[in-house]
């Protein structure tokens, strides 16, 4: 499981666009926690603390502990709304989770190793940069790694070849190609 940061939050009873704009000017991000039992809770979180957490993470698919006025709840960042001009986060949705909740996360795919095909003059091309996966909160990782060391010229690397961490399963079909080593002119002239 990845590190879980605790975010302080306060309940918010006020709603309406004018009130939410005022909240944002005061340094808060209006948010909602969707409960596992169907109960939703309107909260506000500190803009700087949340923005710093997102900037420091490889993915926005994160687990956090929300401390809502002394009551702690494990939550998954389900969605964020970003202002198109300022690129600031203006709203966040959280899903209250426990160890039996299956979550769907979008994790970065990192290729590791130098393919033997690249050593022969081929060029590694990454077709997929993030993968949607399903897992329990305790199995969530920060990134998915794919070892492409054995990849030769003109060979592809499908999702089915990735050694996923225990408890993590991909949403996409196993045959979807995530990387390949393309034959370059240099590789063709070398006879590879």
N, C-alpha and C. Protein backbone atom coordinates (compact mmCIF):
# COMPACT_ATOMS: atom_id res chain seq x y z
N UNK A 1 0.84 -1.17 0.00
CA UNK A 1 0.00 0.00 0.00
C UNK A 1 0.89 1.24 0.00
N UNK A 2 0.46 2.25 -0.74
CA UNK A 2 1.22 3.48 -0.78
C UNK A 2 1.02 4.24 0.54
N UNK A 3 1.88 5.22 0.78
CA UNK A 3 1.76 6.03 2.00
C UNK A 3 0.43 6.78 1.99
N UNK A 4 -0.19 6.86 3.15
CA UNK A 4 -1.48 7.54 3.25
C UNK A 4 -1.30 8.82 4.05
N UNK A 5 -1.60 9.94 3.43
CA UNK A 5 -1.49 11.25 4.06
C UNK A 5 -2.80 11.58 4.74
N UNK A 6 -2.71 12.25 5.88
CA UNK A 6 -3.91 12.71 6.58
C UNK A 6 -4.18 14.15 6.16
N UNK A 7 -5.40 14.41 5.73
CA UNK A 7 -5.84 15.76 5.37
C UNK A 7 -6.88 16.23 6.37
N UNK A 8 -6.67 17.41 6.90
CA UNK A 8 -7.68 17.99 7.79
C UNK A 8 -8.81 18.55 6.95
N UNK A 9 -10.02 18.36 7.42
CA UNK A 9 -11.20 18.84 6.70
C UNK A 9 -12.22 19.36 7.70
N UNK A 10 -13.09 20.20 7.21
CA UNK A 10 -14.18 20.71 8.03
C UNK A 10 -15.49 20.49 7.28
N UNK A 11 -16.55 20.26 8.03
CA UNK A 11 -17.85 20.13 7.37
C UNK A 11 -18.26 21.50 6.85
N UNK A 12 -19.03 21.50 5.78
CA UNK A 12 -19.56 22.76 5.26
C UNK A 12 -21.06 22.60 5.08
N UNK A 13 -21.75 23.55 5.61
CA UNK A 13 -23.21 23.51 5.51
C UNK A 13 -23.69 24.47 4.43
N UNK A 14 -22.83 25.43 4.09
CA UNK A 14 -23.21 26.42 3.09
C UNK A 14 -23.04 25.85 1.68
N UNK A 15 -23.96 26.17 0.79
CA UNK A 15 -23.85 25.77 -0.61
C UNK A 15 -24.24 26.96 -1.48
N UNK A 16 -24.14 26.79 -2.78
CA UNK A 16 -24.45 27.86 -3.71
C UNK A 16 -23.17 28.40 -4.31
N UNK A 17 -23.22 28.86 -5.55
CA UNK A 17 -22.00 29.26 -6.26
C UNK A 17 -21.29 30.43 -5.59
N UNK A 18 -22.02 31.42 -5.08
CA UNK A 18 -21.39 32.57 -4.42
C UNK A 18 -20.64 32.15 -3.17
N UNK A 19 -21.26 31.29 -2.40
CA UNK A 19 -20.65 30.80 -1.15
C UNK A 19 -19.40 29.97 -1.46
N UNK A 20 -19.48 29.13 -2.51
CA UNK A 20 -18.33 28.29 -2.87
C UNK A 20 -17.17 29.14 -3.38
N UNK A 21 -17.46 30.19 -4.14
CA UNK A 21 -16.41 31.10 -4.60
C UNK A 21 -15.72 31.77 -3.42
N UNK A 22 -16.49 32.19 -2.43
CA UNK A 22 -15.94 32.82 -1.23
C UNK A 22 -15.04 31.82 -0.49
N UNK A 23 -15.48 30.57 -0.40
CA UNK A 23 -14.70 29.52 0.25
C UNK A 23 -13.34 29.37 -0.44
N UNK A 24 -13.36 29.35 -1.77
CA UNK A 24 -12.12 29.22 -2.55
C UNK A 24 -11.19 30.40 -2.31
N UNK A 25 -11.76 31.61 -2.23
CA UNK A 25 -10.93 32.80 -1.95
C UNK A 25 -10.28 32.72 -0.57
N UNK A 26 -10.94 32.03 0.35
CA UNK A 26 -10.42 31.88 1.72
C UNK A 26 -9.40 30.75 1.83
N UNK A 27 -9.09 30.07 0.70
CA UNK A 27 -8.07 29.01 0.72
C UNK A 27 -8.60 27.61 0.93
N UNK A 28 -9.87 27.39 0.65
CA UNK A 28 -10.49 26.07 0.81
C UNK A 28 -10.88 25.50 -0.54
N UNK A 29 -10.96 24.19 -0.62
CA UNK A 29 -11.50 23.50 -1.79
C UNK A 29 -12.79 22.82 -1.34
N UNK A 30 -13.94 23.24 -1.90
CA UNK A 30 -15.18 22.55 -1.57
C UNK A 30 -15.10 21.10 -2.07
N UNK A 31 -15.55 20.17 -1.24
CA UNK A 31 -15.43 18.75 -1.57
C UNK A 31 -16.64 17.99 -1.08
N UNK A 32 -16.77 16.77 -1.59
CA UNK A 32 -17.84 15.87 -1.16
C UNK A 32 -17.22 14.50 -0.89
N UNK A 33 -17.63 13.89 0.21
CA UNK A 33 -17.25 12.51 0.50
C UNK A 33 -18.49 11.66 0.28
N UNK A 34 -18.38 10.76 -0.72
CA UNK A 34 -19.48 9.86 -1.00
C UNK A 34 -19.34 8.65 -0.10
N UNK A 35 -20.35 8.39 0.70
CA UNK A 35 -20.29 7.32 1.68
C UNK A 35 -20.56 5.96 1.09
N UNK A 36 -20.03 4.94 1.75
CA UNK A 36 -20.26 3.58 1.30
C UNK A 36 -21.70 3.16 1.52
N UNK A 37 -22.39 3.80 2.45
CA UNK A 37 -23.79 3.46 2.74
C UNK A 37 -24.74 4.43 2.05
N UNK A 38 -24.24 5.22 1.12
CA UNK A 38 -25.10 6.13 0.38
C UNK A 38 -25.22 7.51 1.00
N UNK A 39 -24.57 7.75 2.13
CA UNK A 39 -24.62 9.07 2.76
C UNK A 39 -23.46 9.91 2.24
N UNK A 40 -23.78 11.10 1.76
CA UNK A 40 -22.75 12.01 1.27
C UNK A 40 -22.52 13.11 2.30
N UNK A 41 -21.26 13.57 2.37
CA UNK A 41 -20.91 14.60 3.34
C UNK A 41 -20.20 15.74 2.63
N UNK A 42 -20.73 16.95 2.77
CA UNK A 42 -20.08 18.13 2.21
C UNK A 42 -18.99 18.59 3.16
N UNK A 43 -17.78 18.72 2.63
CA UNK A 43 -16.64 19.16 3.44
C UNK A 43 -15.86 20.22 2.68
N UNK A 44 -14.89 20.81 3.35
CA UNK A 44 -13.93 21.69 2.70
C UNK A 44 -12.55 21.31 3.21
N UNK A 45 -11.56 21.32 2.27
CA UNK A 45 -10.18 20.95 2.63
C UNK A 45 -9.26 22.10 2.29
N UNK A 46 -8.13 22.15 2.96
CA UNK A 46 -7.15 23.21 2.74
C UNK A 46 -6.56 23.10 1.34
N UNK A 47 -6.67 24.18 0.56
CA UNK A 47 -6.22 24.19 -0.84
C UNK A 47 -4.72 23.90 -0.96
N UNK A 48 -3.90 24.56 -0.14
CA UNK A 48 -2.45 24.38 -0.24
C UNK A 48 -2.03 22.96 0.11
N UNK A 49 -2.56 22.42 1.19
CA UNK A 49 -2.20 21.06 1.60
C UNK A 49 -2.58 20.04 0.54
N UNK A 50 -3.78 20.18 -0.03
CA UNK A 50 -4.25 19.24 -1.05
C UNK A 50 -3.46 19.39 -2.34
N UNK A 51 -3.22 20.62 -2.77
CA UNK A 51 -2.45 20.87 -3.99
C UNK A 51 -1.03 20.34 -3.86
N UNK A 52 -0.41 20.53 -2.70
CA UNK A 52 0.95 20.02 -2.47
C UNK A 52 0.97 18.49 -2.54
N UNK A 53 -0.06 17.85 -1.99
CA UNK A 53 -0.16 16.39 -2.02
C UNK A 53 -0.24 15.89 -3.46
N UNK A 54 -1.07 16.53 -4.27
CA UNK A 54 -1.25 16.12 -5.67
C UNK A 54 0.04 16.35 -6.46
N UNK A 55 0.70 17.48 -6.25
CA UNK A 55 1.94 17.79 -6.99
C UNK A 55 3.06 16.80 -6.64
N UNK A 56 3.08 16.30 -5.42
CA UNK A 56 4.15 15.40 -4.98
C UNK A 56 3.90 13.94 -5.34
N UNK A 57 2.74 13.65 -5.93
CA UNK A 57 2.37 12.26 -6.21
C UNK A 57 2.52 11.94 -7.70
N UNK A 58 2.82 10.68 -7.98
CA UNK A 58 2.95 10.22 -9.37
C UNK A 58 1.58 10.12 -10.03
N UNK A 59 0.54 10.00 -9.24
CA UNK A 59 -0.81 9.80 -9.75
C UNK A 59 -1.79 10.56 -8.87
N UNK A 60 -2.97 10.85 -9.42
CA UNK A 60 -4.02 11.45 -8.59
C UNK A 60 -4.90 10.38 -7.96
N UNK A 61 -4.64 9.11 -8.27
CA UNK A 61 -5.36 8.01 -7.65
C UNK A 61 -4.71 7.70 -6.30
N UNK A 62 -5.17 8.41 -5.28
CA UNK A 62 -4.54 8.33 -3.96
C UNK A 62 -5.55 8.00 -2.87
N UNK A 63 -5.05 7.35 -1.86
CA UNK A 63 -5.80 7.15 -0.63
C UNK A 63 -5.36 8.22 0.36
N UNK A 64 -6.32 8.79 1.07
CA UNK A 64 -6.01 9.76 2.12
C UNK A 64 -6.86 9.42 3.33
N UNK A 65 -6.40 9.87 4.48
CA UNK A 65 -7.21 9.80 5.67
C UNK A 65 -7.78 11.19 5.88
N UNK A 66 -9.08 11.32 5.79
CA UNK A 66 -9.73 12.61 6.02
C UNK A 66 -10.03 12.73 7.50
N UNK A 67 -9.48 13.77 8.12
CA UNK A 67 -9.76 14.06 9.52
C UNK A 67 -10.80 15.18 9.54
N UNK A 68 -12.07 14.77 9.61
CA UNK A 68 -13.16 15.74 9.59
C UNK A 68 -13.54 16.06 11.03
N UNK A 69 -12.94 17.15 11.52
CA UNK A 69 -13.20 17.62 12.88
C UNK A 69 -13.06 16.52 13.92
N UNK A 70 -11.95 15.78 13.82
CA UNK A 70 -11.63 14.74 14.80
C UNK A 70 -12.07 13.34 14.44
N UNK A 71 -12.93 13.19 13.45
CA UNK A 71 -13.39 11.87 13.02
C UNK A 71 -12.64 11.49 11.75
N UNK A 72 -11.89 10.38 11.79
CA UNK A 72 -11.07 9.97 10.65
C UNK A 72 -11.80 8.97 9.76
N UNK A 73 -11.61 9.14 8.44
CA UNK A 73 -12.22 8.27 7.45
C UNK A 73 -11.23 8.04 6.31
N UNK A 74 -10.97 6.77 5.99
CA UNK A 74 -10.13 6.45 4.84
C UNK A 74 -10.94 6.76 3.59
N UNK A 75 -10.31 7.48 2.64
CA UNK A 75 -11.03 7.89 1.44
C UNK A 75 -10.11 7.83 0.23
N UNK A 76 -10.72 7.62 -0.93
CA UNK A 76 -10.03 7.54 -2.21
C UNK A 76 -10.41 8.78 -3.02
N UNK A 77 -9.41 9.45 -3.60
CA UNK A 77 -9.70 10.61 -4.43
C UNK A 77 -10.34 10.09 -5.72
N UNK A 78 -11.61 10.37 -5.87
CA UNK A 78 -12.36 9.82 -6.99
C UNK A 78 -12.32 10.75 -8.21
N UNK A 79 -12.37 12.05 -7.97
CA UNK A 79 -12.39 12.99 -9.09
C UNK A 79 -11.99 14.37 -8.59
N UNK A 80 -11.47 15.18 -9.52
CA UNK A 80 -11.13 16.56 -9.22
C UNK A 80 -11.57 17.42 -10.38
N UNK A 81 -12.03 18.61 -10.07
CA UNK A 81 -12.35 19.58 -11.12
C UNK A 81 -11.24 20.63 -11.11
N UNK A 82 -10.69 20.91 -12.29
CA UNK A 82 -9.59 21.85 -12.43
C UNK A 82 -10.06 23.05 -13.25
N UNK A 83 -9.73 24.26 -12.81
CA UNK A 83 -10.04 25.45 -13.57
C UNK A 83 -9.18 25.45 -14.82
N UNK A 84 -9.81 25.57 -15.99
CA UNK A 84 -9.11 25.47 -17.27
C UNK A 84 -8.08 26.59 -17.47
N UNK A 85 -8.30 27.75 -16.90
CA UNK A 85 -7.37 28.87 -17.09
C UNK A 85 -6.28 28.90 -16.03
N UNK A 86 -6.65 28.82 -14.77
CA UNK A 86 -5.66 28.93 -13.69
C UNK A 86 -4.98 27.61 -13.35
N UNK A 87 -5.57 26.48 -13.81
CA UNK A 87 -5.07 25.13 -13.51
C UNK A 87 -5.14 24.80 -12.01
N UNK A 88 -5.94 25.55 -11.27
CA UNK A 88 -6.12 25.28 -9.84
C UNK A 88 -7.25 24.28 -9.64
N UNK A 89 -7.14 23.51 -8.58
CA UNK A 89 -8.20 22.55 -8.23
C UNK A 89 -9.33 23.35 -7.59
N UNK A 90 -10.54 23.19 -8.12
CA UNK A 90 -11.68 23.95 -7.60
C UNK A 90 -12.69 23.06 -6.86
N UNK A 91 -12.58 21.75 -7.02
CA UNK A 91 -13.50 20.84 -6.33
C UNK A 91 -12.87 19.44 -6.31
N UNK A 92 -13.16 18.68 -5.26
CA UNK A 92 -12.66 17.31 -5.17
C UNK A 92 -13.77 16.40 -4.66
N UNK A 93 -13.82 15.20 -5.23
CA UNK A 93 -14.76 14.18 -4.79
C UNK A 93 -13.96 13.03 -4.17
N UNK A 94 -14.39 12.58 -3.02
CA UNK A 94 -13.75 11.47 -2.32
C UNK A 94 -14.76 10.34 -2.18
N UNK A 95 -14.26 9.11 -2.17
CA UNK A 95 -15.08 7.95 -1.92
C UNK A 95 -14.64 7.34 -0.60
N UNK A 96 -15.55 7.27 0.36
CA UNK A 96 -15.23 6.63 1.65
C UNK A 96 -15.02 5.14 1.38
N UNK A 97 -13.90 4.60 1.85
CA UNK A 97 -13.58 3.20 1.59
C UNK A 97 -13.21 2.48 2.87
N UNK A 98 -13.27 1.16 2.79
CA UNK A 98 -12.73 0.31 3.84
C UNK A 98 -11.95 -0.80 3.14
N UNK A 99 -11.46 -1.77 3.88
CA UNK A 99 -10.60 -2.80 3.27
C UNK A 99 -11.36 -3.78 2.37
N UNK A 100 -12.68 -3.64 2.26
CA UNK A 100 -13.47 -4.52 1.39
C UNK A 100 -14.01 -3.79 0.16
N UNK A 101 -13.66 -2.51 0.01
CA UNK A 101 -14.14 -1.71 -1.12
C UNK A 101 -13.20 -1.89 -2.31
N UNK A 102 -13.75 -2.25 -3.46
CA UNK A 102 -12.93 -2.34 -4.67
C UNK A 102 -12.91 -0.96 -5.32
N UNK A 103 -11.70 -0.45 -5.56
CA UNK A 103 -11.56 0.86 -6.18
C UNK A 103 -10.97 0.71 -7.58
N UNK A 104 -11.28 1.66 -8.44
CA UNK A 104 -10.71 1.72 -9.79
C UNK A 104 -9.77 2.92 -9.83
N UNK A 105 -8.50 2.65 -10.11
CA UNK A 105 -7.48 3.70 -10.10
C UNK A 105 -6.80 3.80 -11.45
N UNK A 106 -6.35 4.98 -11.78
CA UNK A 106 -5.60 5.22 -13.02
C UNK A 106 -4.15 5.46 -12.61
N UNK A 107 -3.28 4.47 -12.85
CA UNK A 107 -1.89 4.54 -12.37
C UNK A 107 -0.91 4.72 -13.52
N UNK A 108 0.17 5.48 -13.28
CA UNK A 108 1.19 5.63 -14.32
C UNK A 108 1.87 4.29 -14.62
N UNK A 109 2.17 4.06 -15.90
CA UNK A 109 2.89 2.87 -16.33
C UNK A 109 4.33 3.28 -16.61
N UNK A 110 5.26 2.67 -15.89
CA UNK A 110 6.68 2.98 -16.03
C UNK A 110 7.40 1.77 -16.65
N UNK A 111 8.07 2.00 -17.78
CA UNK A 111 8.85 0.94 -18.42
C UNK A 111 10.23 0.91 -17.80
N UNK A 112 10.69 -0.28 -17.40
CA UNK A 112 12.01 -0.41 -16.79
C UNK A 112 12.86 -1.37 -17.62
N UNK A 113 14.15 -1.15 -17.59
CA UNK A 113 15.09 -1.98 -18.33
C UNK A 113 15.30 -1.47 -19.74
N UNK A 114 16.45 -1.80 -20.32
CA UNK A 114 16.72 -1.43 -21.71
C UNK A 114 16.46 -2.65 -22.58
N UNK A 115 15.52 -2.54 -23.51
CA UNK A 115 15.21 -3.68 -24.38
C UNK A 115 16.41 -4.10 -25.21
N UNK A 116 16.58 -5.42 -25.39
CA UNK A 116 17.70 -5.88 -26.22
C UNK A 116 17.56 -5.41 -27.65
N UNK A 117 16.33 -5.15 -28.11
CA UNK A 117 16.10 -4.63 -29.45
C UNK A 117 16.63 -3.22 -29.62
N UNK A 118 16.65 -2.43 -28.55
CA UNK A 118 17.19 -1.08 -28.62
C UNK A 118 18.71 -1.15 -28.77
N UNK A 119 19.33 -2.12 -28.12
CA UNK A 119 20.79 -2.29 -28.24
C UNK A 119 21.17 -2.67 -29.67
N UNK A 120 20.21 -3.25 -30.42
CA UNK A 120 20.46 -3.63 -31.81
C UNK A 120 20.04 -2.53 -32.80
N UNK A 121 19.67 -1.36 -32.27
CA UNK A 121 19.33 -0.24 -33.14
C UNK A 121 17.86 0.06 -33.25
N UNK A 122 17.01 -0.72 -32.57
CA UNK A 122 15.57 -0.45 -32.60
C UNK A 122 15.22 0.72 -31.70
N UNK A 123 13.96 1.14 -31.76
CA UNK A 123 13.51 2.26 -30.94
C UNK A 123 12.32 1.84 -30.11
N UNK A 124 12.42 2.05 -28.79
CA UNK A 124 11.34 1.72 -27.87
C UNK A 124 10.24 2.77 -27.97
N UNK A 125 9.01 2.33 -28.17
CA UNK A 125 7.86 3.23 -28.23
C UNK A 125 6.85 2.79 -27.18
N UNK A 126 6.50 3.71 -26.29
CA UNK A 126 5.50 3.43 -25.26
C UNK A 126 4.14 3.89 -25.78
N UNK A 127 3.22 2.96 -25.91
CA UNK A 127 1.90 3.23 -26.47
C UNK A 127 0.89 3.65 -25.39
N UNK A 128 1.06 3.15 -24.18
CA UNK A 128 0.15 3.42 -23.07
C UNK A 128 0.98 3.97 -21.91
N UNK A 129 0.56 5.12 -21.37
CA UNK A 129 1.32 5.76 -20.30
C UNK A 129 0.66 5.62 -18.92
N UNK A 130 -0.59 5.22 -18.90
CA UNK A 130 -1.25 4.96 -17.63
C UNK A 130 -2.25 3.82 -17.83
N UNK A 131 -2.46 3.09 -16.75
CA UNK A 131 -3.37 1.93 -16.80
C UNK A 131 -4.46 2.07 -15.75
N UNK A 132 -5.67 1.75 -16.14
CA UNK A 132 -6.78 1.70 -15.21
C UNK A 132 -6.77 0.29 -14.59
N UNK A 133 -6.75 0.25 -13.25
CA UNK A 133 -6.71 -1.03 -12.54
C UNK A 133 -7.78 -1.06 -11.46
N UNK A 134 -8.11 -2.29 -11.03
CA UNK A 134 -9.03 -2.48 -9.92
C UNK A 134 -8.29 -3.19 -8.80
N UNK A 135 -8.58 -2.77 -7.56
CA UNK A 135 -7.92 -3.40 -6.41
C UNK A 135 -8.63 -2.97 -5.13
N UNK A 136 -8.26 -3.62 -4.04
CA UNK A 136 -8.70 -3.19 -2.72
C UNK A 136 -7.76 -2.07 -2.27
N UNK A 137 -8.18 -1.17 -1.40
CA UNK A 137 -7.33 -0.07 -0.97
C UNK A 137 -5.95 -0.50 -0.47
N UNK A 138 -5.89 -1.60 0.25
CA UNK A 138 -4.61 -2.04 0.81
C UNK A 138 -3.64 -2.53 -0.26
N UNK A 139 -4.13 -2.79 -1.49
CA UNK A 139 -3.27 -3.26 -2.58
C UNK A 139 -2.85 -2.15 -3.54
N UNK A 140 -3.34 -0.93 -3.33
CA UNK A 140 -3.05 0.18 -4.24
C UNK A 140 -1.56 0.54 -4.18
N UNK A 141 -0.95 0.66 -5.36
CA UNK A 141 0.45 1.07 -5.46
C UNK A 141 0.52 2.43 -6.14
N UNK A 142 1.69 3.07 -6.14
CA UNK A 142 1.84 4.39 -6.75
C UNK A 142 1.95 4.30 -8.26
N UNK A 143 2.66 3.27 -8.76
CA UNK A 143 2.87 3.10 -10.20
C UNK A 143 2.83 1.62 -10.55
N UNK A 144 2.67 1.34 -11.85
CA UNK A 144 2.79 -0.03 -12.37
C UNK A 144 4.07 -0.06 -13.19
N UNK A 145 4.92 -1.05 -12.93
CA UNK A 145 6.18 -1.17 -13.67
C UNK A 145 6.11 -2.36 -14.63
N UNK A 146 6.69 -2.14 -15.82
CA UNK A 146 6.75 -3.20 -16.82
C UNK A 146 8.20 -3.36 -17.24
N UNK A 147 8.77 -4.55 -17.05
CA UNK A 147 10.16 -4.83 -17.43
C UNK A 147 10.21 -5.22 -18.90
N UNK A 148 10.79 -4.34 -19.71
CA UNK A 148 10.84 -4.56 -21.17
C UNK A 148 12.22 -5.01 -21.63
N UNK A 149 13.06 -5.49 -20.73
CA UNK A 149 14.45 -5.88 -21.05
C UNK A 149 14.54 -6.94 -22.14
N UNK A 150 13.61 -7.88 -22.18
CA UNK A 150 13.67 -8.98 -23.15
C UNK A 150 13.04 -8.65 -24.50
N UNK A 151 12.54 -7.45 -24.66
CA UNK A 151 11.86 -7.06 -25.89
C UNK A 151 12.86 -6.87 -27.03
N UNK A 152 12.65 -7.59 -28.14
CA UNK A 152 13.54 -7.54 -29.30
C UNK A 152 12.93 -6.64 -30.37
N UNK A 153 13.69 -6.38 -31.42
CA UNK A 153 13.22 -5.56 -32.54
C UNK A 153 11.96 -6.20 -33.13
N UNK A 154 10.97 -5.37 -33.40
CA UNK A 154 9.67 -5.78 -33.98
C UNK A 154 8.81 -6.59 -33.01
N UNK A 155 9.13 -6.59 -31.74
CA UNK A 155 8.31 -7.28 -30.75
C UNK A 155 7.49 -6.27 -29.96
N UNK A 156 6.33 -6.71 -29.50
CA UNK A 156 5.46 -5.85 -28.71
C UNK A 156 5.31 -6.42 -27.29
N UNK A 157 4.86 -5.57 -26.41
CA UNK A 157 4.70 -5.93 -25.00
C UNK A 157 3.24 -5.67 -24.60
N UNK A 158 2.42 -6.72 -24.47
CA UNK A 158 1.01 -6.54 -24.11
C UNK A 158 0.81 -6.44 -22.59
N UNK A 159 -0.36 -5.97 -22.21
CA UNK A 159 -0.70 -5.85 -20.78
C UNK A 159 -0.55 -7.20 -20.08
N UNK A 160 -0.87 -8.29 -20.78
CA UNK A 160 -0.78 -9.63 -20.18
C UNK A 160 0.62 -10.02 -19.76
N UNK A 161 1.65 -9.32 -20.27
CA UNK A 161 3.03 -9.62 -19.89
C UNK A 161 3.48 -8.88 -18.63
N UNK A 162 2.68 -7.94 -18.18
CA UNK A 162 3.05 -7.15 -17.00
C UNK A 162 2.85 -7.99 -15.75
N UNK A 163 3.82 -7.95 -14.86
CA UNK A 163 3.74 -8.63 -13.57
C UNK A 163 3.10 -7.66 -12.58
N UNK A 164 1.77 -7.70 -12.49
CA UNK A 164 1.05 -6.78 -11.61
C UNK A 164 1.27 -7.15 -10.14
N UNK A 165 1.29 -6.14 -9.26
CA UNK A 165 1.38 -6.43 -7.83
C UNK A 165 0.18 -7.28 -7.39
N UNK A 166 0.37 -8.04 -6.34
CA UNK A 166 -0.69 -8.92 -5.82
C UNK A 166 -1.94 -8.10 -5.52
N UNK A 167 -3.08 -8.59 -6.01
CA UNK A 167 -4.36 -7.95 -5.74
C UNK A 167 -4.74 -6.86 -6.74
N UNK A 168 -3.86 -6.55 -7.68
CA UNK A 168 -4.13 -5.50 -8.67
C UNK A 168 -4.40 -6.15 -10.02
N UNK A 169 -5.55 -5.82 -10.64
CA UNK A 169 -5.88 -6.38 -11.95
C UNK A 169 -6.20 -5.26 -12.93
N UNK A 170 -5.75 -5.41 -14.18
CA UNK A 170 -6.02 -4.37 -15.18
C UNK A 170 -7.47 -4.40 -15.65
N UNK A 171 -7.96 -3.25 -16.06
CA UNK A 171 -9.31 -3.16 -16.60
C UNK A 171 -9.29 -3.50 -18.10
N UNK A 172 -8.22 -3.09 -18.80
CA UNK A 172 -8.09 -3.35 -20.23
C UNK A 172 -7.78 -4.82 -20.51
N UNK A 173 -8.04 -5.24 -21.74
CA UNK A 173 -7.77 -6.59 -22.21
C UNK A 173 -6.28 -6.90 -22.16
N UNK A 174 -5.93 -8.15 -21.85
CA UNK A 174 -4.53 -8.58 -21.76
C UNK A 174 -3.75 -8.41 -23.06
N UNK A 175 -4.44 -8.32 -24.19
CA UNK A 175 -3.76 -8.24 -25.49
C UNK A 175 -3.43 -6.82 -25.92
N UNK A 176 -3.89 -5.81 -25.17
CA UNK A 176 -3.60 -4.41 -25.52
C UNK A 176 -2.10 -4.19 -25.40
N UNK A 177 -1.49 -3.63 -26.47
CA UNK A 177 -0.04 -3.40 -26.50
C UNK A 177 0.29 -2.10 -25.77
N UNK A 178 1.22 -2.20 -24.81
CA UNK A 178 1.63 -1.01 -24.06
C UNK A 178 2.95 -0.45 -24.57
N UNK A 179 3.78 -1.29 -25.19
CA UNK A 179 5.08 -0.84 -25.71
C UNK A 179 5.52 -1.77 -26.83
N UNK A 180 6.41 -1.26 -27.68
CA UNK A 180 6.99 -2.08 -28.74
C UNK A 180 8.35 -1.52 -29.11
N UNK A 181 9.17 -2.37 -29.74
CA UNK A 181 10.45 -1.92 -30.25
C UNK A 181 10.32 -1.89 -31.77
N UNK A 182 10.34 -0.67 -32.31
CA UNK A 182 10.18 -0.48 -33.75
C UNK A 182 11.52 -0.63 -34.45
N UNK A 183 11.44 -1.12 -35.67
CA UNK A 183 12.64 -1.27 -36.49
C UNK A 183 12.95 0.09 -37.10
N UNK A 184 14.15 0.60 -36.86
CA UNK A 184 14.56 1.89 -37.41
C UNK A 184 15.41 1.64 -38.65
N UNK A 185 15.73 2.71 -39.36
CA UNK A 185 16.59 2.55 -40.56
C UNK A 185 17.95 1.96 -40.18
N UNK A 186 18.46 2.39 -39.03
CA UNK A 186 19.76 1.87 -38.59
C UNK A 186 19.68 0.36 -38.34
N UNK A 187 18.55 -0.08 -37.72
CA UNK A 187 18.37 -1.50 -37.45
C UNK A 187 18.21 -2.29 -38.74
N UNK A 188 17.49 -1.71 -39.71
CA UNK A 188 17.29 -2.38 -41.00
C UNK A 188 18.60 -2.54 -41.75
N UNK A 189 19.44 -1.50 -41.75
CA UNK A 189 20.71 -1.58 -42.48
C UNK A 189 21.70 -2.49 -41.77
N UNK A 190 21.54 -2.68 -40.44
CA UNK A 190 22.42 -3.58 -39.70
C UNK A 190 21.97 -5.03 -39.87
N UNK A 191 20.80 -5.22 -40.49
CA UNK A 191 20.33 -6.59 -40.72
C UNK A 191 19.54 -7.16 -39.59
N UNK A 192 19.11 -6.34 -38.64
CA UNK A 192 18.34 -6.83 -37.50
C UNK A 192 16.90 -7.06 -37.88
